Amino acid sequence: MAGPEKKIEDKIKKYLDSLGAYYLKVHGSMYQPSGTPDILACVNGRFIGIEVKRPDGKGRESALQKSKIKKIRSAGGVAFFAKSVEEVSAMLKHENVI
């Protein structure tokens, strides 16, 4: 059975599909840098990093994850933590991506 974070990820991926976005679900491994956001996407020509957290608030934002999000933003991308599709939509609108 899928956990709460996986269910949110699946909903976010469906939402990104509806936008015609390209995305990649990142599966943590020794072949990638730690702290990489869960979903990397390109939406309307913009680089997006989404770190998915559990909707119940039990998932913590690590210092490394915060650092990676800051680096993406500093490089001109859009990156954020999200607990729902609604948060993703709101952030993409706030950042003038959609």
PDB file of N, CA and C in Angstrom:
ATOM      1  N   MET A   1       0.843  -1.191   0.000  1.00  0.00           N
ATOM      2  CA  MET A   1       0.000   0.000   0.000  1.00  0.00           C
ATOM      3  C   MET A   1       0.878   1.241   0.000  1.00  0.00           C
ATOM      4  N   ALA A   2       0.479   2.199  -0.779  1.00  0.00           N
ATOM      5  CA  ALA A   2       1.243   3.438  -0.880  1.00  0.00           C
ATOM      6  C   ALA A   2       1.065   4.292   0.368  1.00  0.00           C
ATOM      7  N   GLY A   3       2.175   4.905   0.803  1.00  0.00           N
ATOM      8  CA  GLY A   3       2.120   5.778   1.964  1.00  0.00           C
ATOM      9  C   GLY A   3       1.572   7.146   1.604  1.00  0.00           C
ATOM     10  N   PRO A   4       1.377   7.992   2.612  1.00  0.00           N
ATOM     11  CA  PRO A   4       0.788   9.317   2.382  1.00  0.00           C
ATOM     12  C   PRO A   4       1.586  10.186   1.411  1.00  0.00           C
ATOM     13  N   GLU A   5       2.922  10.133   1.496  1.00  0.00           N
ATOM     14  CA  GLU A   5       3.737  10.957   0.600  1.00  0.00           C
ATOM     15  C   GLU A   5       3.613  10.466  -0.844  1.00  0.00           C
ATOM     16  N   LYS A   6       3.608   9.162  -1.034  1.00  0.00           N
ATOM     17  CA  LYS A   6       3.475   8.588  -2.383  1.00  0.00           C
ATOM     18  C   LYS A   6       2.143   8.972  -3.007  1.00  0.00           C
ATOM     19  N   LYS A   7       1.079   8.982  -2.222  1.00  0.00           N
ATOM     20  CA  LYS A   7      -0.243   9.370  -2.746  1.00  0.00           C
ATOM     21  C   LYS A   7      -0.232  10.825  -3.219  1.00  0.00           C
ATOM     22  N   ILE A   8       0.413  11.693  -2.458  1.00  0.00           N
ATOM     23  CA  ILE A   8       0.504  13.097  -2.852  1.00  0.00           C
ATOM     24  C   ILE A   8       1.360  13.224  -4.114  1.00  0.00           C
ATOM     25  N   GLU A   9       2.468  12.503  -4.159  1.00  0.00           N
ATOM     26  CA  GLU A   9       3.322  12.526  -5.357  1.00  0.00           C
ATOM     27  C   GLU A   9       2.527  12.127  -6.593  1.00  0.00           C
ATOM     28  N   ASP A  10       1.741  11.079  -6.485  1.00  0.00           N
ATOM     29  CA  ASP A  10       0.944  10.617  -7.629  1.00  0.00           C
ATOM     30  C   ASP A  10      -0.043  11.689  -8.090  1.00  0.00           C
ATOM     31  N   LYS A  11      -0.665  12.371  -7.149  1.00  0.00           N
ATOM     32  CA  LYS A  11      -1.607  13.439  -7.500  1.00  0.00           C
ATOM     33  C   LYS A  11      -0.874  14.608  -8.159  1.00  0.00           C
ATOM     34  N   ILE A  12       0.302  14.928  -7.656  1.00  0.00           N
ATOM     35  CA  ILE A  12       1.086  16.012  -8.237  1.00  0.00           C
ATOM     36  C   ILE A  12       1.509  15.646  -9.656  1.00  0.00           C
ATOM     37  N   LYS A  13       1.914  14.406  -9.875  1.00  0.00           N
ATOM     38  CA  LYS A  13       2.311  13.971 -11.219  1.00  0.00           C
ATOM     39  C   LYS A  13       1.131  14.055 -12.189  1.00  0.00           C
ATOM     40  N   LYS A  14      -0.055  13.671 -11.753  1.00  0.00           N
ATOM     41  CA  LYS A  14      -1.246  13.800 -12.603  1.00  0.00           C
ATOM     42  C   LYS A  14      -1.510  15.273 -12.934  1.00  0.00           C
ATOM     43  N   TYR A  15      -1.346  16.128 -11.952  1.00  0.00           N
ATOM     44  CA  TYR A  15      -1.541  17.558 -12.166  1.00  0.00           C
ATOM     45  C   TYR A  15      -0.522  18.078 -13.177  1.00  0.00           C
ATOM     46  N   LEU A  16       0.740  17.686 -13.024  1.00  0.00           N
ATOM     47  CA  LEU A  16       1.762  18.110 -13.971  1.00  0.00           C
ATOM     48  C   LEU A  16       1.454  17.601 -15.378  1.00  0.00           C
ATOM     49  N   ASP A  17       0.930  16.374 -15.470  1.00  0.00           N
ATOM     50  CA  ASP A  17       0.492  15.841 -16.772  1.00  0.00           C
ATOM     51  C   ASP A  17      -0.561  16.755 -17.385  1.00  0.00           C
ATOM     52  N   SER A  18      -1.493  17.215 -16.571  1.00  0.00           N
ATOM     53  CA  SER A  18      -2.579  18.065 -17.072  1.00  0.00           C
ATOM     54  C   SER A  18      -2.058  19.406 -17.597  1.00  0.00           C
ATOM     55  N   LEU A  19      -0.881  19.812 -17.120  1.00  0.00           N
ATOM     56  CA  LEU A  19      -0.264  21.059 -17.578  1.00  0.00           C
ATOM     57  C   LEU A  19       0.613  20.842 -18.810  1.00  0.00           C
ATOM     58  N   GLY A  20       0.790  19.584 -19.202  1.00  0.00           N
ATOM     59  CA  GLY A  20       1.680  19.278 -20.320  1.00  0.00           C
ATOM     60  C   GLY A  20       3.148  19.389 -19.939  1.00  0.00           C
ATOM     61  N   ALA A  21       3.439  19.236 -18.667  1.00  0.00           N
ATOM     62  CA  ALA A  21       4.800  19.380 -18.155  1.00  0.00           C
ATOM     63  C   ALA A  21       5.610  18.108 -18.378  1.00  0.00           C
ATOM     64  N   TYR A  22       6.913  18.285 -18.427  1.00  0.00           N
ATOM     65  CA  TYR A  22       7.839  17.156 -18.361  1.00  0.00           C
ATOM     66  C   TYR A  22       8.253  17.060 -16.909  1.00  0.00           C
ATOM     67  N   TYR A  23       8.305  15.844 -16.369  1.00  0.00           N
ATOM     68  CA  TYR A  23       8.773  15.690 -14.996  1.00  0.00           C
ATOM     69  C   TYR A  23       9.463  14.358 -14.814  1.00  0.00           C
ATOM     70  N   LEU A  24      10.213  14.283 -13.761  1.00  0.00           N
ATOM     71  CA  LEU A  24      10.944  13.084 -13.395  1.00  0.00           C
ATOM     72  C   LEU A  24      10.790  12.887 -11.901  1.00  0.00           C
ATOM     73  N   LYS A  25      10.343  11.704 -11.505  1.00  0.00           N
ATOM     74  CA  LYS A  25      10.283  11.366 -10.086  1.00  0.00           C
ATOM     75  C   LYS A  25      11.670  10.891  -9.687  1.00  0.00           C
ATOM     76  N   VAL A  26      12.261  11.545  -8.731  1.00  0.00           N
ATOM     77  CA  VAL A  26      13.607  11.207  -8.279  1.00  0.00           C
ATOM     78  C   VAL A  26      13.510  10.144  -7.195  1.00  0.00           C
ATOM     79  N   HIS A  27      14.206   9.049  -7.422  1.00  0.00           N
ATOM     80  CA  HIS A  27      14.277   7.977  -6.426  1.00  0.00           C
ATOM     81  C   HIS A  27      15.676   8.049  -5.823  1.00  0.00           C
ATOM     82  N   GLY A  28      15.741   8.330  -4.557  1.00  0.00           N
ATOM     83  CA  GLY A  28      17.032   8.498  -3.910  1.00  0.00           C
ATOM     84  C   GLY A  28      17.937   7.285  -4.085  1.00  0.00           C
ATOM     85  N   SER A  29      19.190   7.549  -4.414  1.00  0.00           N
ATOM     86  CA  SER A  29      20.164   6.472  -4.545  1.00  0.00           C
ATOM     87  C   SER A  29      21.557   7.052  -4.355  1.00  0.00           C
ATOM     88  N   MET A  30      22.537   6.176  -4.370  1.00  0.00           N
ATOM     89  CA  MET A  30      23.921   6.620  -4.206  1.00  0.00           C
ATOM     90  C   MET A  30      24.448   7.317  -5.457  1.00  0.00           C
ATOM     91  N   TYR A  31      23.670   7.312  -6.538  1.00  0.00           N
ATOM     92  CA  TYR A  31      24.103   7.903  -7.794  1.00  0.00           C
ATOM     93  C   TYR A  31      23.630   9.342  -7.993  1.00  0.00           C
ATOM     94  N   GLN A  32      23.040   9.915  -6.993  1.00  0.00           N
ATOM     95  CA  GLN A  32      22.582  11.305  -7.099  1.00  0.00           C
ATOM     96  C   GLN A  32      22.870  12.024  -5.787  1.00  0.00           C
ATOM     97  N   PRO A  33      22.953  13.341  -5.848  1.00  0.00           N
ATOM     98  CA  PRO A  33      23.218  14.084  -4.618  1.00  0.00           C
ATOM     99  C   PRO A  33      22.052  13.973  -3.627  1.00  0.00           C
ATOM    100  N   SER A  34      22.387  13.812  -2.368  1.00  0.00           N
ATOM    101  CA  SER A  34      21.368  13.784  -1.317  1.00  0.00           C
ATOM    102  C   SER A  34      20.659  15.130  -1.277  1.00  0.00           C
ATOM    103  N   GLY A  35      19.383  15.100  -0.928  1.00  0.00           N
ATOM    104  CA  GLY A  35      18.611  16.325  -0.799  1.00  0.00           C
ATOM    105  C   GLY A  35      17.959  16.791  -2.080  1.00  0.00           C
ATOM    106  N   THR A  36      18.183  16.069  -3.195  1.00  0.00           N
ATOM    107  CA  THR A  36      17.553  16.434  -4.462  1.00  0.00           C
ATOM    108  C   THR A  36      16.043  16.363  -4.297  1.00  0.00           C
ATOM    109  N   PRO A  37      15.294  17.368  -4.779  1.00  0.00           N
ATOM    110  CA  PRO A  37      13.832  17.332  -4.632  1.00  0.00           C
ATOM    111  C   PRO A  37      13.223  16.059  -5.229  1.00  0.00           C
ATOM    112  N   ASP A  38      12.071  15.667  -4.697  1.00  0.00           N
ATOM    113  CA  ASP A  38      11.382  14.433  -5.107  1.00  0.00           C
ATOM    114  C   ASP A  38      10.949  14.456  -6.570  1.00  0.00           C
ATOM    115  N   ILE A  39      10.538  15.615  -7.044  1.00  0.00           N
ATOM    116  CA  ILE A  39      10.077  15.745  -8.427  1.00  0.00           C
ATOM    117  C   ILE A  39      10.825  16.907  -9.067  1.00  0.00           C
ATOM    118  N   LEU A  40      11.453  16.627 -10.213  1.00  0.00           N
ATOM    119  CA  LEU A  40      12.082  17.662 -11.022  1.00  0.00           C
ATOM    120  C   LEU A  40      11.232  17.800 -12.274  1.00  0.00           C
ATOM    121  N   ALA A  41      10.931  19.026 -12.667  1.00  0.00           N
ATOM    122  CA  ALA A  41      10.012  19.229 -13.785  1.00  0.00           C
ATOM    123  C   ALA A  41      10.416  20.431 -14.619  1.00  0.00           C
ATOM    124  N   CYS A  42       9.869  20.454 -15.825  1.00  0.00           N
ATOM    125  CA  CYS A  42       9.960  21.633 -16.678  1.00  0.00           C
ATOM    126  C   CYS A  42       8.524  21.992 -17.038  1.00  0.00           C
ATOM    127  N   VAL A  43       8.099  23.160 -16.611  1.00  0.00           N
ATOM    128  CA  VAL A  43       6.735  23.625 -16.853  1.00  0.00           C
ATOM    129  C   VAL A  43       6.824  24.973 -17.564  1.00  0.00           C
ATOM    130  N   ASN A  44       6.277  25.024 -18.769  1.00  0.00           N
ATOM    131  CA  ASN A  44       6.305  26.262 -19.561  1.00  0.00           C
ATOM    132  C   ASN A  44       7.708  26.860 -19.640  1.00  0.00           C
ATOM    133  N   GLY A  45       8.697  25.977 -19.816  1.00  0.00           N
ATOM    134  CA  GLY A  45      10.076  26.427 -19.981  1.00  0.00           C
ATOM    135  C   GLY A  45      10.806  26.768 -18.703  1.00  0.00           C
ATOM    136  N   ARG A  46      10.198  26.548 -17.565  1.00  0.00           N
ATOM    137  CA  ARG A  46      10.826  26.861 -16.268  1.00  0.00           C
ATOM    138  C   ARG A  46      11.218  25.575 -15.560  1.00  0.00           C
ATOM    139  N   PHE A  47      12.398  25.590 -14.931  1.00  0.00           N
ATOM    140  CA  PHE A  47      12.860  24.456 -14.142  1.00  0.00           C
ATOM    141  C   PHE A  47      12.179  24.491 -12.779  1.00  0.00           C
ATOM    142  N   ILE A  48      11.616  23.359 -12.376  1.00  0.00           N
ATOM    143  CA  ILE A  48      10.860  23.275 -11.116  1.00  0.00           C
ATOM    144  C   ILE A  48      11.402  22.122 -10.279  1.00  0.00           C
ATOM    145  N   GLY A  49      11.597  22.353  -9.001  1.00  0.00           N
ATOM    146  CA  GLY A  49      11.945  21.305  -8.043  1.00  0.00           C
ATOM    147  C   GLY A  49      10.885  21.271  -6.954  1.00  0.00           C
ATOM    148  N   ILE A  50      10.288  20.098  -6.743  1.00  0.00           N
ATOM    149  CA  ILE A  50       9.235  19.972  -5.731  1.00  0.00           C
ATOM    150  C   ILE A  50       9.652  18.910  -4.720  1.00  0.00           C
ATOM    151  N   GLU A  51       9.785  19.312  -3.489  1.00  0.00           N
ATOM    152  CA  GLU A  51      10.052  18.376  -2.395  1.00  0.00           C
ATOM    153  C   GLU A  51       8.706  18.085  -1.732  1.00  0.00           C
ATOM    154  N   VAL A  52       8.240  16.860  -1.866  1.00  0.00           N
ATOM    155  CA  VAL A  52       6.915  16.480  -1.377  1.00  0.00           C
ATOM    156  C   VAL A  52       7.008  16.061   0.086  1.00  0.00           C
ATOM    157  N   LYS A  53       6.094  16.580   0.871  1.00  0.00           N
ATOM    158  CA  LYS A  53       6.018  16.246   2.295  1.00  0.00           C
ATOM    159  C   LYS A  53       4.642  15.687   2.612  1.00  0.00           C
ATOM    160  N   ARG A  54       4.591  14.906   3.660  1.00  0.00           N
ATOM    161  CA  ARG A  54       3.325  14.297   4.085  1.00  0.00           C
ATOM    162  C   ARG A  54       2.317  15.368   4.476  1.00  0.00           C
ATOM    163  N   PRO A  55       1.054  15.164   4.120  1.00  0.00           N
ATOM    164  CA  PRO A  55       0.034  16.169   4.458  1.00  0.00           C
ATOM    165  C   PRO A  55      -0.238  16.286   5.957  1.00  0.00           C
ATOM    166  N   ASP A  56       0.126  15.255   6.720  1.00  0.00           N
ATOM    167  CA  ASP A  56      -0.124  15.301   8.170  1.00  0.00           C
ATOM    168  C   ASP A  56       0.953  16.071   8.925  1.00  0.00           C
ATOM    169  N   GLY A  57       1.961  16.580   8.197  1.00  0.00           N
ATOM    170  CA  GLY A  57       2.995  17.381   8.840  1.00  0.00           C
ATOM    171  C   GLY A  57       4.086  16.578   9.511  1.00  0.00           C
ATOM    172  N   LYS A  58       4.078  15.253   9.376  1.00  0.00           N
ATOM    173  CA  LYS A  58       5.094  14.428  10.037  1.00  0.00           C
ATOM    174  C   LYS A  58       6.427  14.414   9.293  1.00  0.00           C
ATOM    175  N   GLY A  59       6.415  14.772   8.021  1.00  0.00           N
ATOM    176  CA  GLY A  59       7.667  14.834   7.266  1.00  0.00           C
ATOM    177  C   GLY A  59       8.381  16.141   7.547  1.00  0.00           C
ATOM    178  N   ARG A  60       9.645  16.064   7.917  1.00  0.00           N
ATOM    179  CA  ARG A  60      10.395  17.270   8.265  1.00  0.00           C
ATOM    180  C   ARG A  60      11.213  17.759   7.075  1.00  0.00           C
ATOM    181  N   GLU A  61      11.370  19.054   6.997  1.00  0.00           N
ATOM    182  CA  GLU A  61      12.202  19.684   5.971  1.00  0.00           C
ATOM    183  C   GLU A  61      13.630  19.702   6.500  1.00  0.00           C
ATOM    184  N   SER A  62      14.509  18.920   5.883  1.00  0.00           N
ATOM    185  CA  SER A  62      15.884  18.853   6.373  1.00  0.00           C
ATOM    186  C   SER A  62      16.680  20.070   5.920  1.00  0.00           C
ATOM    187  N   ALA A  63      17.766  20.325   6.619  1.00  0.00           N
ATOM    188  CA  ALA A  63      18.653  21.433   6.258  1.00  0.00           C
ATOM    189  C   ALA A  63      19.205  21.223   4.849  1.00  0.00           C
ATOM    190  N   LEU A  64      19.502  19.988   4.490  1.00  0.00           N
ATOM    191  CA  LEU A  64      20.030  19.693   3.162  1.00  0.00           C
ATOM    192  C   LEU A  64      18.983  19.960   2.082  1.00  0.00           C
ATOM    193  N   GLN A  65      17.737  19.579   2.335  1.00  0.00           N
ATOM    194  CA  GLN A  65      16.659  19.854   1.382  1.00  0.00           C
ATOM    195  C   GLN A  65      16.464  21.360   1.221  1.00  0.00           C
ATOM    196  N   LYS A  66      16.478  22.084   2.315  1.00  0.00           N
ATOM    197  CA  LYS A  66      16.347  23.547   2.255  1.00  0.00           C
ATOM    198  C   LYS A  66      17.490  24.154   1.452  1.00  0.00           C
ATOM    199  N   SER A  67      18.685  23.626   1.625  1.00  0.00           N
ATOM    200  CA  SER A  67      19.852  24.119   0.896  1.00  0.00           C
ATOM    201  C   SER A  67      19.705  23.875  -0.606  1.00  0.00           C
ATOM    202  N   LYS A  68      19.226  22.697  -0.999  1.00  0.00           N
ATOM    203  CA  LYS A  68      19.041  22.383  -2.423  1.00  0.00           C
ATOM    204  C   LYS A  68      17.979  23.288  -3.045  1.00  0.00           C
ATOM    205  N   ILE A  69      16.906  23.532  -2.320  1.00  0.00           N
ATOM    206  CA  ILE A  69      15.851  24.421  -2.816  1.00  0.00           C
ATOM    207  C   ILE A  69      16.403  25.833  -2.985  1.00  0.00           C
ATOM    208  N   LYS A  70      17.202  26.277  -2.041  1.00  0.00           N
ATOM    209  CA  LYS A  70      17.812  27.610  -2.135  1.00  0.00           C
ATOM    210  C   LYS A  70      18.734  27.692  -3.354  1.00  0.00           C
ATOM    211  N   LYS A  71      19.506  26.644  -3.629  1.00  0.00           N
ATOM    212  CA  LYS A  71      20.414  26.640  -4.788  1.00  0.00           C
ATOM    213  C   LYS A  71      19.631  26.696  -6.095  1.00  0.00           C
ATOM    214  N   ILE A  72      18.534  25.956  -6.175  1.00  0.00           N
ATOM    215  CA  ILE A  72      17.703  25.990  -7.384  1.00  0.00           C
ATOM    216  C   ILE A  72      17.151  27.394  -7.590  1.00  0.00           C
ATOM    217  N   ARG A  73      16.649  27.998  -6.531  1.00  0.00           N
ATOM    218  CA  ARG A  73      16.115  29.366  -6.631  1.00  0.00           C
ATOM    219  C   ARG A  73      17.200  30.361  -7.028  1.00  0.00           C
ATOM    220  N   SER A  74      18.383  30.214  -6.435  1.00  0.00           N
ATOM    221  CA  SER A  74      19.496  31.114  -6.763  1.00  0.00           C
ATOM    222  C   SER A  74      19.915  30.998  -8.220  1.00  0.00           C
ATOM    223  N   ALA A  75      19.707  29.820  -8.809  1.00  0.00           N
ATOM    224  CA  ALA A  75      20.058  29.591 -10.211  1.00  0.00           C
ATOM    225  C   ALA A  75      18.948  30.019 -11.166  1.00  0.00           C
ATOM    226  N   GLY A  76      17.840  30.559 -10.628  1.00  0.00           N
ATOM    227  CA  GLY A  76      16.743  31.042 -11.463  1.00  0.00           C
ATOM    228  C   GLY A  76      15.592  30.082 -11.621  1.00  0.00           C
ATOM    229  N   GLY A  77      15.672  28.925 -10.969  1.00  0.00           N
ATOM    230  CA  GLY A  77      14.572  27.963 -11.019  1.00  0.00           C
ATOM    231  C   GLY A  77      13.540  28.246  -9.947  1.00  0.00           C
ATOM    232  N   VAL A  78      12.528  27.430  -9.936  1.00  0.00           N
ATOM    233  CA  VAL A  78      11.465  27.513  -8.939  1.00  0.00           C
ATOM    234  C   VAL A  78      11.535  26.230  -8.122  1.00  0.00           C
ATOM    235  N   ALA A  79      11.598  26.338  -6.822  1.00  0.00           N
ATOM    236  CA  ALA A  79      11.674  25.152  -5.970  1.00  0.00           C
ATOM    237  C   ALA A  79      10.959  25.430  -4.658  1.00  0.00           C
ATOM    238  N   PHE A  80      10.302  24.390  -4.166  1.00  0.00           N
ATOM    239  CA  PHE A  80       9.500  24.568  -2.955  1.00  0.00           C
ATOM    240  C   PHE A  80       9.117  23.229  -2.350  1.00  0.00           C
ATOM    241  N   PHE A  81       8.634  23.289  -1.114  1.00  0.00           N
ATOM    242  CA  PHE A  81       8.056  22.140  -0.427  1.00  0.00           C
ATOM    243  C   PHE A  81       6.556  22.172  -0.693  1.00  0.00           C
ATOM    244  N   ALA A  82       5.934  20.994  -0.828  1.00  0.00           N
ATOM    245  CA  ALA A  82       4.484  20.944  -1.057  1.00  0.00           C
ATOM    246  C   ALA A  82       3.881  19.735  -0.361  1.00  0.00           C
ATOM    247  N   LYS A  83       2.701  19.949   0.208  1.00  0.00           N
ATOM    248  CA  LYS A  83       1.947  18.882   0.871  1.00  0.00           C
ATOM    249  C   LYS A  83       0.683  18.524   0.118  1.00  0.00           C
ATOM    250  N   SER A  84       0.419  19.231  -1.006  1.00  0.00           N
ATOM    251  CA  SER A  84      -0.809  18.975  -1.762  1.00  0.00           C
ATOM    252  C   SER A  84      -0.679  19.531  -3.180  1.00  0.00           C
ATOM    253  N   VAL A  85      -1.562  19.069  -4.042  1.00  0.00           N
ATOM    254  CA  VAL A  85      -1.643  19.601  -5.404  1.00  0.00           C
ATOM    255  C   VAL A  85      -1.994  21.081  -5.348  1.00  0.00           C
ATOM    256  N   GLU A  86      -2.849  21.460  -4.422  1.00  0.00           N
ATOM    257  CA  GLU A  86      -3.257  22.857  -4.299  1.00  0.00           C
ATOM    258  C   GLU A  86      -2.058  23.754  -3.991  1.00  0.00           C
ATOM    259  N   GLU A  87      -1.145  23.278  -3.151  1.00  0.00           N
ATOM    260  CA  GLU A  87       0.060  24.052  -2.857  1.00  0.00           C
ATOM    261  C   GLU A  87       0.951  24.173  -4.100  1.00  0.00           C
ATOM    262  N   VAL A  88       1.048  23.097  -4.873  1.00  0.00           N
ATOM    263  CA  VAL A  88       1.845  23.147  -6.105  1.00  0.00           C
ATOM    264  C   VAL A  88       1.240  24.169  -7.057  1.00  0.00           C
ATOM    265  N   SER A  89      -0.062  24.092  -7.269  1.00  0.00           N
ATOM    266  CA  SER A  89      -0.742  25.030  -8.163  1.00  0.00           C
ATOM    267  C   SER A  89      -0.544  26.467  -7.698  1.00  0.00           C
ATOM    268  N   ALA A  90      -0.711  26.707  -6.417  1.00  0.00           N
ATOM    269  CA  ALA A  90      -0.559  28.058  -5.870  1.00  0.00           C
ATOM    270  C   ALA A  90       0.865  28.578  -6.075  1.00  0.00           C
ATOM    271  N   MET A  91       1.857  27.731  -5.855  1.00  0.00           N
ATOM    272  CA  MET A  91       3.247  28.163  -6.030  1.00  0.00           C
ATOM    273  C   MET A  91       3.564  28.434  -7.496  1.00  0.00           C
ATOM    274  N   LEU A  92       3.073  27.587  -8.392  1.00  0.00           N
ATOM    275  CA  LEU A  92       3.327  27.812  -9.812  1.00  0.00           C
ATOM    276  C   LEU A  92       2.666  29.102 -10.288  1.00  0.00           C
ATOM    277  N   LYS A  93       1.496  29.410  -9.759  1.00  0.00           N
ATOM    278  CA  LYS A  93       0.832  30.680 -10.089  1.00  0.00           C
ATOM    279  C   LYS A  93       1.595  31.852  -9.480  1.00  0.00           C
ATOM    280  N   HIS A  94       2.010  31.708  -8.231  1.00  0.00           N
ATOM    281  CA  HIS A  94       2.748  32.770  -7.525  1.00  0.00           C
ATOM    282  C   HIS A  94       4.048  33.105  -8.252  1.00  0.00           C
ATOM    283  N   GLU A  95       4.684  32.085  -8.816  1.00  0.00           N
ATOM    284  CA  GLU A  95       5.961  32.272  -9.509  1.00  0.00           C
ATOM    285  C   GLU A  95       5.767  32.596 -11.005  1.00  0.00           C
ATOM    286  N   ASN A  96       4.514  32.812 -11.410  1.00  0.00           N
ATOM    287  CA  ASN A  96       4.179  33.147 -12.810  1.00  0.00           C
ATOM    288  C   ASN A  96       4.640  32.071 -13.800  1.00  0.00           C
ATOM    289  N   VAL A  97       4.519  30.826 -13.376  1.00  0.00           N
ATOM    290  CA  VAL A  97       4.862  29.713 -14.258  1.00  0.00           C
ATOM    291  C   VAL A  97       3.644  29.305 -15.067  1.00  0.00           C
ATOM    292  N   ILE A  98       2.474  29.377 -14.416  1.00  0.00           N
ATOM    293  CA  ILE A  98       1.205  29.053 -15.113  1.00  0.00           C
ATOM    294  C   ILE A  98       0.261  30.242 -15.002  1.00  0.00           C
TER     295      ILE A  98
END
